[in-house]
N, C-alpha and C. Protein backbone atom coordinates (compact mmCIF):
# COMPACT_ATOMS: atom_id res chain seq x y z
N MET A 1 -25.42 86.04 -46.72
CA MET A 1 -25.77 84.72 -46.22
C MET A 1 -24.53 83.97 -45.75
N GLN A 2 -23.46 84.11 -46.48
CA GLN A 2 -22.22 83.41 -46.14
C GLN A 2 -21.62 83.95 -44.84
N LYS A 3 -21.63 85.29 -44.68
CA LYS A 3 -21.06 85.88 -43.48
C LYS A 3 -21.86 85.47 -42.24
N LYS A 4 -23.18 85.39 -42.39
CA LYS A 4 -24.03 85.02 -41.27
C LYS A 4 -23.68 83.62 -40.78
N LYS A 5 -23.44 82.72 -41.72
CA LYS A 5 -23.10 81.34 -41.37
C LYS A 5 -21.74 81.28 -40.67
N ILE A 6 -20.78 82.03 -41.15
CA ILE A 6 -19.45 82.08 -40.54
C ILE A 6 -19.54 82.64 -39.12
N PHE A 7 -20.33 83.71 -38.95
CA PHE A 7 -20.49 84.30 -37.63
C PHE A 7 -21.14 83.33 -36.65
N LYS A 8 -22.11 82.55 -37.12
CA LYS A 8 -22.76 81.57 -36.25
C LYS A 8 -21.79 80.47 -35.85
N ILE A 9 -20.98 80.02 -36.78
CA ILE A 9 -19.99 78.97 -36.47
C ILE A 9 -18.97 79.49 -35.46
N LEU A 10 -18.47 80.71 -35.67
CA LEU A 10 -17.51 81.28 -34.73
C LEU A 10 -18.13 81.49 -33.36
N SER A 11 -19.37 81.92 -33.32
CA SER A 11 -20.07 82.09 -32.05
C SER A 11 -20.18 80.77 -31.31
N PHE A 12 -20.50 79.70 -32.03
CA PHE A 12 -20.60 78.37 -31.42
C PHE A 12 -19.25 77.91 -30.89
N ILE A 13 -18.19 78.12 -31.66
CA ILE A 13 -16.85 77.70 -31.23
C ILE A 13 -16.45 78.44 -29.95
N PHE A 14 -16.69 79.74 -29.91
CA PHE A 14 -16.32 80.50 -28.72
C PHE A 14 -17.21 80.16 -27.53
N CYS A 15 -18.44 79.75 -27.79
CA CYS A 15 -19.31 79.29 -26.71
C CYS A 15 -18.75 78.02 -26.08
N ILE A 16 -18.30 77.10 -26.92
CA ILE A 16 -17.68 75.88 -26.41
C ILE A 16 -16.42 76.21 -25.62
N LEU A 17 -15.60 77.12 -26.14
CA LEU A 17 -14.39 77.53 -25.43
C LEU A 17 -14.72 78.18 -24.08
N THR A 18 -15.85 78.88 -24.01
CA THR A 18 -16.28 79.48 -22.74
C THR A 18 -16.54 78.40 -21.70
N PHE A 19 -17.26 77.35 -22.10
CA PHE A 19 -17.54 76.28 -21.15
C PHE A 19 -16.27 75.53 -20.74
N ILE A 20 -15.36 75.36 -21.68
CA ILE A 20 -14.08 74.71 -21.35
C ILE A 20 -13.30 75.58 -20.36
N GLY A 21 -13.27 76.87 -20.62
CA GLY A 21 -12.57 77.79 -19.72
C GLY A 21 -13.20 77.84 -18.34
N ALA A 22 -14.53 77.83 -18.29
CA ALA A 22 -15.22 77.82 -17.00
C ALA A 22 -14.93 76.53 -16.24
N GLY A 23 -14.90 75.42 -16.95
CA GLY A 23 -14.57 74.16 -16.32
C GLY A 23 -13.15 74.17 -15.79
N TYR A 24 -12.24 74.75 -16.54
CA TYR A 24 -10.84 74.85 -16.10
C TYR A 24 -10.73 75.68 -14.82
N VAL A 25 -11.46 76.78 -14.76
CA VAL A 25 -11.44 77.63 -13.57
C VAL A 25 -12.03 76.88 -12.38
N LEU A 26 -13.13 76.15 -12.61
CA LEU A 26 -13.76 75.42 -11.51
C LEU A 26 -12.90 74.25 -11.02
N ILE A 27 -12.24 73.58 -11.96
CA ILE A 27 -11.37 72.46 -11.57
C ILE A 27 -10.23 72.96 -10.68
N ASN A 28 -9.73 74.15 -10.98
CA ASN A 28 -8.63 74.72 -10.20
C ASN A 28 -9.12 75.54 -9.01
N LYS A 29 -10.39 75.40 -8.66
CA LYS A 29 -11.00 76.03 -7.49
C LYS A 29 -10.84 77.55 -7.49
N GLY A 30 -10.89 78.16 -8.66
CA GLY A 30 -10.83 79.61 -8.77
C GLY A 30 -9.46 80.21 -8.59
N GLU A 31 -8.44 79.38 -8.52
CA GLU A 31 -7.08 79.89 -8.33
C GLU A 31 -6.53 80.53 -9.60
N VAL A 32 -7.04 80.13 -10.76
CA VAL A 32 -6.55 80.68 -12.02
C VAL A 32 -7.42 81.87 -12.43
N ASN A 33 -6.97 82.57 -13.42
CA ASN A 33 -7.64 83.76 -13.89
C ASN A 33 -8.99 83.42 -14.52
N ALA A 34 -10.03 84.18 -14.18
CA ALA A 34 -11.36 83.96 -14.75
C ALA A 34 -11.43 84.37 -16.21
N GLY A 35 -10.41 85.01 -16.70
CA GLY A 35 -10.36 85.42 -18.10
C GLY A 35 -10.41 84.25 -19.07
N TYR A 36 -10.05 83.05 -18.58
CA TYR A 36 -10.15 81.86 -19.42
C TYR A 36 -11.58 81.60 -19.86
N ALA A 37 -12.55 82.07 -19.10
CA ALA A 37 -13.96 81.89 -19.45
C ALA A 37 -14.57 83.18 -19.99
N VAL A 38 -14.13 84.32 -19.50
CA VAL A 38 -14.76 85.59 -19.84
C VAL A 38 -14.43 86.03 -21.27
N ILE A 39 -13.19 85.91 -21.66
CA ILE A 39 -12.78 86.40 -22.98
C ILE A 39 -13.46 85.63 -24.12
N PRO A 40 -13.51 84.28 -24.08
CA PRO A 40 -14.25 83.59 -25.15
C PRO A 40 -15.75 83.92 -25.15
N SER A 41 -16.32 84.16 -23.96
CA SER A 41 -17.75 84.52 -23.92
C SER A 41 -17.97 85.88 -24.55
N LEU A 42 -17.03 86.78 -24.38
CA LEU A 42 -17.14 88.10 -25.01
C LEU A 42 -17.14 87.96 -26.53
N PHE A 43 -16.23 87.14 -27.06
CA PHE A 43 -16.20 86.93 -28.50
C PHE A 43 -17.44 86.21 -29.01
N SER A 44 -17.97 85.31 -28.19
CA SER A 44 -19.20 84.62 -28.56
C SER A 44 -20.36 85.60 -28.70
N VAL A 45 -20.46 86.52 -27.77
CA VAL A 45 -21.52 87.54 -27.83
C VAL A 45 -21.32 88.45 -29.04
N ILE A 46 -20.09 88.83 -29.30
CA ILE A 46 -19.81 89.70 -30.45
C ILE A 46 -20.21 89.04 -31.75
N PHE A 47 -19.80 87.79 -31.94
CA PHE A 47 -20.12 87.11 -33.19
C PHE A 47 -21.61 86.79 -33.32
N SER A 48 -22.28 86.53 -32.21
CA SER A 48 -23.72 86.29 -32.30
C SER A 48 -24.45 87.58 -32.66
N GLN A 49 -24.00 88.71 -32.15
CA GLN A 49 -24.61 89.98 -32.51
C GLN A 49 -24.33 90.33 -33.98
N LEU A 50 -23.14 90.01 -34.45
CA LEU A 50 -22.84 90.23 -35.88
C LEU A 50 -23.73 89.36 -36.75
N SER A 51 -24.00 88.16 -36.31
CA SER A 51 -24.89 87.27 -37.04
C SER A 51 -26.30 87.85 -37.12
N ILE A 52 -26.79 88.37 -36.01
CA ILE A 52 -28.12 88.99 -35.98
C ILE A 52 -28.15 90.23 -36.87
N THR A 53 -27.09 91.00 -36.85
CA THR A 53 -27.01 92.21 -37.68
C THR A 53 -27.05 91.83 -39.16
N GLU A 54 -26.31 90.79 -39.55
CA GLU A 54 -26.32 90.35 -40.94
C GLU A 54 -27.70 89.84 -41.35
N LYS A 55 -28.39 89.18 -40.42
CA LYS A 55 -29.72 88.67 -40.73
C LYS A 55 -30.71 89.80 -40.96
N ASN A 56 -30.56 90.89 -40.19
CA ASN A 56 -31.49 92.01 -40.29
C ASN A 56 -31.15 92.99 -41.41
N LYS A 57 -30.03 92.80 -42.09
CA LYS A 57 -29.64 93.71 -43.17
C LYS A 57 -30.58 93.61 -44.38
N LYS A 58 -31.24 92.47 -44.53
CA LYS A 58 -32.12 92.29 -45.69
C LYS A 58 -33.18 93.29 -45.65
């Protein structure tokens, strides 16, 4: 139960970072690396899947 909560919090944090990174890329008209948005979204997906896995372990 504790790990599931931690994974959800981390997923939420990385989701917020994804939107911040996407905004940064859009503000700079795509001149900067898109990795500012892609990498946090990858971690968000990973932690959300870990959360689902922990939920289904019961």
